[in-house]
Amino acid sequence: MVTVRLLGLLKNTVNKEYIELDIDEKETTLKQLLKILREQYEELSIAIDEKYRLKPGFLAFINDIDYMVLEKENTKIKNSDVIVLMPISHGGIKI
């Protein structure tokens, strides 16, 4: 099972912090995962465009690694992976 963690306004928009999905490990890329997410959660269209790429202003981390230093949208996803989706402006802690 892949765990997708939503932060910032994505968490508030979808009304949940975690989404868990079963995927086909042999076939699934980040782009395909983004497609599934956009189709199941229309609210995520604020972050995922119609070509199933992240819109400017949003970040994705796969197991704490920025997807841009991996294979971008073509990065293979495994069922044990944790994907974090967040806006660049995501707040912080109150002091």
PDB file of N, CA and C in Angstrom:
ATOM      1  N   MET A   1       0.830  -1.168   0.000  1.00  0.00           N
ATOM      2  CA  MET A   1       0.000   0.000   0.000  1.00  0.00           C
ATOM      3  C   MET A   1       0.886   1.248   0.000  1.00  0.00           C
ATOM      4  N   VAL A   2       0.602   2.203  -0.884  1.00  0.00           N
ATOM      5  CA  VAL A   2       1.294   3.487  -0.929  1.00  0.00           C
ATOM      6  C   VAL A   2       0.569   4.440   0.007  1.00  0.00           C
ATOM      7  N   THR A   3       1.344   5.170   0.777  1.00  0.00           N
ATOM      8  CA  THR A   3       0.768   6.192   1.639  1.00  0.00           C
ATOM      9  C   THR A   3       1.081   7.550   1.027  1.00  0.00           C
ATOM     10  N   VAL A   4       0.041   8.341   0.804  1.00  0.00           N
ATOM     11  CA  VAL A   4       0.200   9.696   0.300  1.00  0.00           C
ATOM     12  C   VAL A   4      -0.155  10.631   1.448  1.00  0.00           C
ATOM     13  N   ARG A   5       0.783  11.476   1.821  1.00  0.00           N
ATOM     14  CA  ARG A   5       0.546  12.438   2.892  1.00  0.00           C
ATOM     15  C   ARG A   5       0.357  13.813   2.261  1.00  0.00           C
ATOM     16  N   LEU A   6      -0.718  14.463   2.629  1.00  0.00           N
ATOM     17  CA  LEU A   6      -1.032  15.797   2.121  1.00  0.00           C
ATOM     18  C   LEU A   6      -0.727  16.814   3.204  1.00  0.00           C
ATOM     19  N   LEU A   7      -0.035  17.882   2.823  1.00  0.00           N
ATOM     20  CA  LEU A   7       0.302  18.925   3.778  1.00  0.00           C
ATOM     21  C   LEU A   7      -0.272  20.266   3.332  1.00  0.00           C
ATOM     22  N   GLY A   8      -0.352  21.184   4.279  1.00  0.00           N
ATOM     23  CA  GLY A   8      -0.798  22.542   3.983  1.00  0.00           C
ATOM     24  C   GLY A   8      -2.214  22.581   3.460  1.00  0.00           C
ATOM     25  N   LEU A   9      -2.433  23.427   2.464  1.00  0.00           N
ATOM     26  CA  LEU A   9      -3.780  23.600   1.937  1.00  0.00           C
ATOM     27  C   LEU A   9      -4.330  22.349   1.271  1.00  0.00           C
ATOM     28  N   LEU A  10      -3.467  21.434   0.828  1.00  0.00           N
ATOM     29  CA  LEU A  10      -3.955  20.180   0.234  1.00  0.00           C
ATOM     30  C   LEU A  10      -4.682  19.342   1.279  1.00  0.00           C
ATOM     31  N   LYS A  11      -4.116  19.283   2.460  1.00  0.00           N
ATOM     32  CA  LYS A  11      -4.749  18.558   3.570  1.00  0.00           C
ATOM     33  C   LYS A  11      -6.115  19.176   3.888  1.00  0.00           C
ATOM     34  N   ASN A  12      -6.172  20.490   3.942  1.00  0.00           N
ATOM     35  CA  ASN A  12      -7.426  21.178   4.253  1.00  0.00           C
ATOM     36  C   ASN A  12      -8.440  21.053   3.123  1.00  0.00           C
ATOM     37  N   THR A  13      -7.980  21.064   1.891  1.00  0.00           N
ATOM     38  CA  THR A  13      -8.877  20.981   0.736  1.00  0.00           C
ATOM     39  C   THR A  13      -9.542  19.614   0.636  1.00  0.00           C
ATOM     40  N   VAL A  14      -8.764  18.559   0.863  1.00  0.00           N
ATOM     41  CA  VAL A  14      -9.282  17.193   0.743  1.00  0.00           C
ATOM     42  C   VAL A  14      -9.913  16.724   2.066  1.00  0.00           C
ATOM     43  N   ASN A  15      -9.598  17.415   3.134  1.00  0.00           N
ATOM     44  CA  ASN A  15     -10.124  17.080   4.458  1.00  0.00           C
ATOM     45  C   ASN A  15      -9.534  15.788   5.011  1.00  0.00           C
ATOM     46  N   LYS A  16      -8.331  15.467   4.600  1.00  0.00           N
ATOM     47  CA  LYS A  16      -7.623  14.324   5.176  1.00  0.00           C
ATOM     48  C   LYS A  16      -6.133  14.527   4.975  1.00  0.00           C
ATOM     49  N   GLU A  17      -5.369  13.959   5.883  1.00  0.00           N
ATOM     50  CA  GLU A  17      -3.917  14.087   5.807  1.00  0.00           C
ATOM     51  C   GLU A  17      -3.280  12.915   5.070  1.00  0.00           C
ATOM     52  N   TYR A  18      -3.892  11.735   5.181  1.00  0.00           N
ATOM     53  CA  TYR A  18      -3.317  10.536   4.569  1.00  0.00           C
ATOM     54  C   TYR A  18      -4.311   9.878   3.621  1.00  0.00           C
ATOM     55  N   ILE A  19      -3.790   9.416   2.494  1.00  0.00           N
ATOM     56  CA  ILE A  19      -4.550   8.613   1.539  1.00  0.00           C
ATOM     57  C   ILE A  19      -3.722   7.353   1.312  1.00  0.00           C
ATOM     58  N   GLU A  20      -4.354   6.206   1.403  1.00  0.00           N
ATOM     59  CA  GLU A  20      -3.649   4.949   1.156  1.00  0.00           C
ATOM     60  C   GLU A  20      -4.220   4.286  -0.088  1.00  0.00           C
ATOM     61  N   LEU A  21      -3.327   3.840  -0.970  1.00  0.00           N
ATOM     62  CA  LEU A  21      -3.726   3.240  -2.243  1.00  0.00           C
ATOM     63  C   LEU A  21      -2.924   1.973  -2.508  1.00  0.00           C
ATOM     64  N   ASP A  22      -3.593   0.942  -3.021  1.00  0.00           N
ATOM     65  CA  ASP A  22      -2.894  -0.241  -3.525  1.00  0.00           C
ATOM     66  C   ASP A  22      -2.577   0.009  -4.991  1.00  0.00           C
ATOM     67  N   ILE A  23      -1.353  -0.283  -5.381  1.00  0.00           N
ATOM     68  CA  ILE A  23      -0.938  -0.039  -6.764  1.00  0.00           C
ATOM     69  C   ILE A  23      -0.272  -1.278  -7.343  1.00  0.00           C
ATOM     70  N   ASP A  24      -0.130  -1.283  -8.659  1.00  0.00           N
ATOM     71  CA  ASP A  24       0.612  -2.320  -9.363  1.00  0.00           C
ATOM     72  C   ASP A  24       2.072  -1.881  -9.395  1.00  0.00           C
ATOM     73  N   GLU A  25       2.907  -2.521  -8.604  1.00  0.00           N
ATOM     74  CA  GLU A  25       4.301  -2.104  -8.473  1.00  0.00           C
ATOM     75  C   GLU A  25       5.091  -2.182  -9.773  1.00  0.00           C
ATOM     76  N   LYS A  26       4.713  -3.060 -10.673  1.00  0.00           N
ATOM     77  CA  LYS A  26       5.463  -3.217 -11.921  1.00  0.00           C
ATOM     78  C   LYS A  26       5.191  -2.081 -12.892  1.00  0.00           C
ATOM     79  N   GLU A  27       4.068  -1.420 -12.743  1.00  0.00           N
ATOM     80  CA  GLU A  27       3.628  -0.455 -13.740  1.00  0.00           C
ATOM     81  C   GLU A  27       3.550   0.991 -13.269  1.00  0.00           C
ATOM     82  N   THR A  28       3.400   1.218 -11.979  1.00  0.00           N
ATOM     83  CA  THR A  28       3.018   2.542 -11.517  1.00  0.00           C
ATOM     84  C   THR A  28       4.192   3.496 -11.387  1.00  0.00           C
ATOM     85  N   THR A  29       4.025   4.660 -12.020  1.00  0.00           N
ATOM     86  CA  THR A  29       4.977   5.760 -11.889  1.00  0.00           C
ATOM     87  C   THR A  29       4.304   6.865 -11.075  1.00  0.00           C
ATOM     88  N   LEU A  30       5.084   7.864 -10.699  1.00  0.00           N
ATOM     89  CA  LEU A  30       4.508   8.990  -9.977  1.00  0.00           C
ATOM     90  C   LEU A  30       3.405   9.637 -10.811  1.00  0.00           C
ATOM     91  N   LYS A  31       3.618   9.767 -12.112  1.00  0.00           N
ATOM     92  CA  LYS A  31       2.600  10.371 -12.974  1.00  0.00           C
ATOM     93  C   LYS A  31       1.290   9.579 -12.920  1.00  0.00           C
ATOM     94  N   GLN A  32       1.384   8.259 -12.946  1.00  0.00           N
ATOM     95  CA  GLN A  32       0.177   7.437 -12.871  1.00  0.00           C
ATOM     96  C   GLN A  32      -0.493   7.561 -11.497  1.00  0.00           C
ATOM     97  N   LEU A  33       0.311   7.685 -10.455  1.00  0.00           N
ATOM     98  CA  LEU A  33      -0.249   7.889  -9.121  1.00  0.00           C
ATOM     99  C   LEU A  33      -0.966   9.238  -9.049  1.00  0.00           C
ATOM    100  N   LEU A  34      -0.369  10.269  -9.634  1.00  0.00           N
ATOM    101  CA  LEU A  34      -1.015  11.591  -9.654  1.00  0.00           C
ATOM    102  C   LEU A  34      -2.336  11.536 -10.421  1.00  0.00           C
ATOM    103  N   LYS A  35      -2.383  10.736 -11.482  1.00  0.00           N
ATOM    104  CA  LYS A  35      -3.628  10.559 -12.245  1.00  0.00           C
ATOM    105  C   LYS A  35      -4.707   9.937 -11.362  1.00  0.00           C
ATOM    106  N   ILE A  36      -4.349   8.879 -10.654  1.00  0.00           N
ATOM    107  CA  ILE A  36      -5.304   8.219  -9.751  1.00  0.00           C
ATOM    108  C   ILE A  36      -5.806   9.205  -8.698  1.00  0.00           C
ATOM    109  N   LEU A  37      -4.876   9.957  -8.120  1.00  0.00           N
ATOM    110  CA  LEU A  37      -5.262  10.911  -7.080  1.00  0.00           C
ATOM    111  C   LEU A  37      -6.199  11.988  -7.625  1.00  0.00           C
ATOM    112  N   ARG A  38      -5.869  12.528  -8.784  1.00  0.00           N
ATOM    113  CA  ARG A  38      -6.716  13.587  -9.361  1.00  0.00           C
ATOM    114  C   ARG A  38      -8.104  13.047  -9.710  1.00  0.00           C
ATOM    115  N   GLU A  39      -8.165  11.815 -10.202  1.00  0.00           N
ATOM    116  CA  GLU A  39      -9.457  11.237 -10.564  1.00  0.00           C
ATOM    117  C   GLU A  39     -10.301  10.901  -9.329  1.00  0.00           C
ATOM    118  N   GLN A  40      -9.664  10.476  -8.251  1.00  0.00           N
ATOM    119  CA  GLN A  40     -10.405  10.118  -7.041  1.00  0.00           C
ATOM    120  C   GLN A  40     -10.717  11.313  -6.150  1.00  0.00           C
ATOM    121  N   TYR A  41      -9.892  12.353  -6.250  1.00  0.00           N
ATOM    122  CA  TYR A  41     -10.061  13.546  -5.421  1.00  0.00           C
ATOM    123  C   TYR A  41      -9.980  14.772  -6.328  1.00  0.00           C
ATOM    124  N   GLU A  42     -11.105  15.180  -6.872  1.00  0.00           N
ATOM    125  CA  GLU A  42     -11.141  16.316  -7.805  1.00  0.00           C
ATOM    126  C   GLU A  42     -10.524  17.563  -7.203  1.00  0.00           C
ATOM    127  N   GLU A  43     -10.605  17.694  -5.875  1.00  0.00           N
ATOM    128  CA  GLU A  43     -10.050  18.860  -5.197  1.00  0.00           C
ATOM    129  C   GLU A  43      -8.549  18.996  -5.435  1.00  0.00           C
ATOM    130  N   LEU A  44      -7.872  17.893  -5.727  1.00  0.00           N
ATOM    131  CA  LEU A  44      -6.429  17.934  -5.949  1.00  0.00           C
ATOM    132  C   LEU A  44      -6.054  18.542  -7.296  1.00  0.00           C
ATOM    133  N   SER A  45      -7.058  18.913  -8.096  1.00  0.00           N
ATOM    134  CA  SER A  45      -6.765  19.597  -9.361  1.00  0.00           C
ATOM    135  C   SER A  45      -6.107  20.952  -9.110  1.00  0.00           C
ATOM    136  N   ILE A  46      -6.145  21.450  -7.884  1.00  0.00           N
ATOM    137  CA  ILE A  46      -5.417  22.693  -7.584  1.00  0.00           C
ATOM    138  C   ILE A  46      -3.911  22.455  -7.613  1.00  0.00           C
ATOM    139  N   ALA A  47      -3.492  21.190  -7.459  1.00  0.00           N
ATOM    140  CA  ALA A  47      -2.067  20.847  -7.434  1.00  0.00           C
ATOM    141  C   ALA A  47      -1.620  19.987  -8.608  1.00  0.00           C
ATOM    142  N   ILE A  48      -2.550  19.262  -9.224  1.00  0.00           N
ATOM    143  CA  ILE A  48      -2.218  18.312 -10.295  1.00  0.00           C
ATOM    144  C   ILE A  48      -2.926  18.767 -11.566  1.00  0.00           C
ATOM    145  N   ASP A  49      -2.151  19.013 -12.626  1.00  0.00           N
ATOM    146  CA  ASP A  49      -2.762  19.523 -13.859  1.00  0.00           C
ATOM    147  C   ASP A  49      -3.424  18.414 -14.677  1.00  0.00           C
ATOM    148  N   GLU A  50      -4.025  18.788 -15.798  1.00  0.00           N
ATOM    149  CA  GLU A  50      -4.765  17.837 -16.630  1.00  0.00           C
ATOM    150  C   GLU A  50      -3.870  16.824 -17.348  1.00  0.00           C
ATOM    151  N   LYS A  51      -2.552  17.064 -17.336  1.00  0.00           N
ATOM    152  CA  LYS A  51      -1.597  16.092 -17.883  1.00  0.00           C
ATOM    153  C   LYS A  51      -0.959  15.270 -16.759  1.00  0.00           C
ATOM    154  N   TYR A  52      -1.522  15.396 -15.556  1.00  0.00           N
ATOM    155  CA  TYR A  52      -1.102  14.624 -14.385  1.00  0.00           C
ATOM    156  C   TYR A  52       0.331  14.916 -13.958  1.00  0.00           C
ATOM    157  N   ARG A  53       0.648  16.206 -13.984  1.00  0.00           N
ATOM    158  CA  ARG A  53       1.921  16.704 -13.466  1.00  0.00           C
ATOM    159  C   ARG A  53       1.608  17.672 -12.341  1.00  0.00           C
ATOM    160  N   LEU A  54       2.563  17.847 -11.455  1.00  0.00           N
ATOM    161  CA  LEU A  54       2.361  18.842 -10.406  1.00  0.00           C
ATOM    162  C   LEU A  54       2.416  20.237 -11.005  1.00  0.00           C
ATOM    163  N   LYS A  55       1.510  21.075 -10.563  1.00  0.00           N
ATOM    164  CA  LYS A  55       1.487  22.461 -11.005  1.00  0.00           C
ATOM    165  C   LYS A  55       2.614  23.226 -10.305  1.00  0.00           C
ATOM    166  N   PRO A  56       3.041  24.350 -10.908  1.00  0.00           N
ATOM    167  CA  PRO A  56       4.037  25.187 -10.231  1.00  0.00           C
ATOM    168  C   PRO A  56       3.525  25.570  -8.838  1.00  0.00           C
ATOM    169  N   GLY A  57       4.423  25.567  -7.881  1.00  0.00           N
ATOM    170  CA  GLY A  57       4.048  25.914  -6.522  1.00  0.00           C
ATOM    171  C   GLY A  57       3.793  24.708  -5.632  1.00  0.00           C
ATOM    172  N   PHE A  58       3.965  23.496  -6.183  1.00  0.00           N
ATOM    173  CA  PHE A  58       3.743  22.284  -5.393  1.00  0.00           C
ATOM    174  C   PHE A  58       4.954  21.362  -5.490  1.00  0.00           C
ATOM    175  N   LEU A  59       5.196  20.638  -4.415  1.00  0.00           N
ATOM    176  CA  LEU A  59       6.341  19.738  -4.319  1.00  0.00           C
ATOM    177  C   LEU A  59       5.867  18.314  -4.046  1.00  0.00           C
ATOM    178  N   ALA A  60       6.673  17.343  -4.462  1.00  0.00           N
ATOM    179  CA  ALA A  60       6.421  15.937  -4.141  1.00  0.00           C
ATOM    180  C   ALA A  60       7.726  15.321  -3.648  1.00  0.00           C
ATOM    181  N   PHE A  61       7.617  14.572  -2.577  1.00  0.00           N
ATOM    182  CA  PHE A  61       8.750  13.830  -2.046  1.00  0.00           C
ATOM    183  C   PHE A  61       8.371  12.356  -2.004  1.00  0.00           C
ATOM    184  N   ILE A  62       9.295  11.522  -2.459  1.00  0.00           N
ATOM    185  CA  ILE A  62       9.102  10.075  -2.435  1.00  0.00           C
ATOM    186  C   ILE A  62      10.103   9.529  -1.432  1.00  0.00           C
ATOM    187  N   ASN A  63       9.588   9.018  -0.335  1.00  0.00           N
ATOM    188  CA  ASN A  63      10.458   8.532   0.747  1.00  0.00           C
ATOM    189  C   ASN A  63      11.482   9.601   1.143  1.00  0.00           C
ATOM    190  N   ASP A  64      10.995  10.827   1.314  1.00  0.00           N
ATOM    191  CA  ASP A  64      11.786  11.990   1.756  1.00  0.00           C
ATOM    192  C   ASP A  64      12.776  12.509   0.710  1.00  0.00           C
ATOM    193  N   ILE A  65      12.652  12.084  -0.527  1.00  0.00           N
ATOM    194  CA  ILE A  65      13.545  12.565  -1.587  1.00  0.00           C
ATOM    195  C   ILE A  65      12.712  13.320  -2.622  1.00  0.00           C
ATOM    196  N   ASP A  66      13.155  14.523  -2.964  1.00  0.00           N
ATOM    197  CA  ASP A  66      12.467  15.330  -3.963  1.00  0.00           C
ATOM    198  C   ASP A  66      12.400  14.559  -5.279  1.00  0.00           C
ATOM    199  N   TYR A  67      11.194  14.434  -5.827  1.00  0.00           N
ATOM    200  CA  TYR A  67      11.017  13.654  -7.064  1.00  0.00           C
ATOM    201  C   TYR A  67      11.823  14.226  -8.223  1.00  0.00           C
ATOM    202  N   MET A  68      12.180  15.498  -8.163  1.00  0.00           N
ATOM    203  CA  MET A  68      12.946  16.129  -9.247  1.00  0.00           C
ATOM    204  C   MET A  68      14.387  15.617  -9.312  1.00  0.00           C
ATOM    205  N   VAL A  69      14.922  15.094  -8.214  1.00  0.00           N
ATOM    206  CA  VAL A  69      16.282  14.539  -8.249  1.00  0.00           C
ATOM    207  C   VAL A  69      16.257  13.039  -8.542  1.00  0.00           C
ATOM    208  N   LEU A  70      15.062  12.486  -8.633  1.00  0.00           N
ATOM    209  CA  LEU A  70      14.918  11.078  -9.020  1.00  0.00           C
ATOM    210  C   LEU A  70      14.642  11.054 -10.526  1.00  0.00           C
ATOM    211  N   GLU A  71      13.578  10.418 -10.947  1.00  0.00           N
ATOM    212  CA  GLU A  71      13.235  10.375 -12.365  1.00  0.00           C
ATOM    213  C   GLU A  71      11.990  11.211 -12.662  1.00  0.00           C
ATOM    214  N   LYS A  72      11.813  12.266 -11.865  1.00  0.00           N
ATOM    215  CA  LYS A  72      10.670  13.168 -12.003  1.00  0.00           C
ATOM    216  C   LYS A  72       9.371  12.374 -12.017  1.00  0.00           C
ATOM    217  N   GLU A  73       8.452  12.678 -12.937  1.00  0.00           N
ATOM    218  CA  GLU A  73       7.161  11.990 -12.979  1.00  0.00           C
ATOM    219  C   GLU A  73       7.286  10.515 -13.381  1.00  0.00           C
ATOM    220  N   ASN A  74       8.430  10.129 -13.914  1.00  0.00           N
ATOM    221  CA  ASN A  74       8.636   8.739 -14.340  1.00  0.00           C
ATOM    222  C   ASN A  74       9.192   7.843 -13.240  1.00  0.00           C
ATOM    223  N   THR A  75       9.358   8.390 -12.040  1.00  0.00           N
ATOM    224  CA  THR A  75       9.863   7.600 -10.914  1.00  0.00           C
ATOM    225  C   THR A  75       8.886   6.470 -10.603  1.00  0.00           C
ATOM    226  N   LYS A  76       9.408   5.257 -10.508  1.00  0.00           N
ATOM    227  CA  LYS A  76       8.583   4.088 -10.172  1.00  0.00           C
ATOM    228  C   LYS A  76       8.174   4.162  -8.706  1.00  0.00           C
ATOM    229  N   ILE A  77       6.932   3.791  -8.441  1.00  0.00           N
ATOM    230  CA  ILE A  77       6.382   3.804  -7.094  1.00  0.00           C
ATOM    231  C   ILE A  77       6.144   2.368  -6.641  1.00  0.00           C
ATOM    232  N   LYS A  78       6.524   2.087  -5.385  1.00  0.00           N
ATOM    233  CA  LYS A  78       6.304   0.767  -4.799  1.00  0.00           C
ATOM    234  C   LYS A  78       5.247   0.883  -3.701  1.00  0.00           C
ATOM    235  N   ASN A  79       4.624  -0.236  -3.362  1.00  0.00           N
ATOM    236  CA  ASN A  79       3.566  -0.240  -2.359  1.00  0.00           C
ATOM    237  C   ASN A  79       4.028   0.204  -0.984  1.00  0.00           C
ATOM    238  N   SER A  80       5.294   0.129  -0.678  1.00  0.00           N
ATOM    239  CA  SER A  80       5.779   0.544   0.644  1.00  0.00           C
ATOM    240  C   SER A  80       6.179   2.015   0.692  1.00  0.00           C
ATOM    241  N   ASP A  81       6.082   2.728  -0.433  1.00  0.00           N
ATOM    242  CA  ASP A  81       6.535   4.118  -0.500  1.00  0.00           C
ATOM    243  C   ASP A  81       5.602   5.075   0.231  1.00  0.00           C
ATOM    244  N   VAL A  82       6.202   6.151   0.710  1.00  0.00           N
ATOM    245  CA  VAL A  82       5.449   7.257   1.290  1.00  0.00           C
ATOM    246  C   VAL A  82       5.685   8.473   0.395  1.00  0.00           C
ATOM    247  N   ILE A  83       4.605   9.011  -0.125  1.00  0.00           N
ATOM    248  CA  ILE A  83       4.652  10.179  -1.009  1.00  0.00           C
ATOM    249  C   ILE A  83       4.094  11.358  -0.232  1.00  0.00           C
ATOM    250  N   VAL A  84       4.830  12.457  -0.206  1.00  0.00           N
ATOM    251  CA  VAL A  84       4.341  13.674   0.432  1.00  0.00           C
ATOM    252  C   VAL A  84       4.083  14.702  -0.659  1.00  0.00           C
ATOM    253  N   LEU A  85       2.874  15.245  -0.670  1.00  0.00           N
ATOM    254  CA  LEU A  85       2.511  16.321  -1.593  1.00  0.00           C
ATOM    255  C   LEU A  85       2.250  17.562  -0.756  1.00  0.00           C
ATOM    256  N   MET A  86       2.857  18.679  -1.174  1.00  0.00           N
ATOM    257  CA  MET A  86       2.702  19.901  -0.389  1.00  0.00           C
ATOM    258  C   MET A  86       2.903  21.126  -1.261  1.00  0.00           C
ATOM    259  N   PRO A  87       2.280  22.230  -0.859  1.00  0.00           N
ATOM    260  CA  PRO A  87       2.553  23.481  -1.552  1.00  0.00           C
ATOM    261  C   PRO A  87       3.907  24.025  -1.109  1.00  0.00           C
ATOM    262  N   ILE A  88       4.546  24.814  -1.965  1.00  0.00           N
ATOM    263  CA  ILE A  88       5.822  25.410  -1.581  1.00  0.00           C
ATOM    264  C   ILE A  88       5.635  26.259  -0.338  1.00  0.00           C
ATOM    265  N   SER A  89       4.561  27.013  -0.276  1.00  0.00           N
ATOM    266  CA  SER A  89       4.246  27.809   0.899  1.00  0.00           C
ATOM    267  C   SER A  89       3.377  26.954   1.809  1.00  0.00           C
ATOM    268  N   HIS A  90       4.003  26.326   2.813  1.00  0.00           N
ATOM    269  CA  HIS A  90       3.274  25.358   3.620  1.00  0.00           C
ATOM    270  C   HIS A  90       3.250  25.674   5.100  1.00  0.00           C
ATOM    271  N   GLY A  91       3.656  26.853   5.466  1.00  0.00           N
ATOM    272  CA  GLY A  91       3.563  27.231   6.875  1.00  0.00           C
ATOM    273  C   GLY A  91       4.695  26.676   7.690  1.00  0.00           C
ATOM    274  N   GLY A  92       4.512  26.675   8.960  1.00  0.00           N
ATOM    275  CA  GLY A  92       5.552  26.185   9.868  1.00  0.00           C
ATOM    276  C   GLY A  92       4.972  26.027  11.246  1.00  0.00           C
ATOM    277  N   ILE A  93       5.803  26.183  12.241  1.00  0.00           N
ATOM    278  CA  ILE A  93       5.322  26.055  13.605  1.00  0.00           C
ATOM    279  C   ILE A  93       5.184  27.428  14.241  1.00  0.00           C
ATOM    280  N   LYS A  94       4.258  27.542  15.162  1.00  0.00           N
ATOM    281  CA  LYS A  94       4.096  28.793  15.895  1.00  0.00           C
ATOM    282  C   LYS A  94       5.152  28.870  16.970  1.00  0.00           C
ATOM    283  N   ILE A  95       5.682  30.058  17.144  1.00  0.00           N
ATOM    284  CA  ILE A  95       6.685  30.268  18.189  1.00  0.00           C
ATOM    285  C   ILE A  95       6.086  31.130  19.273  1.00  0.00           C
TER     286      ILE A  95
END
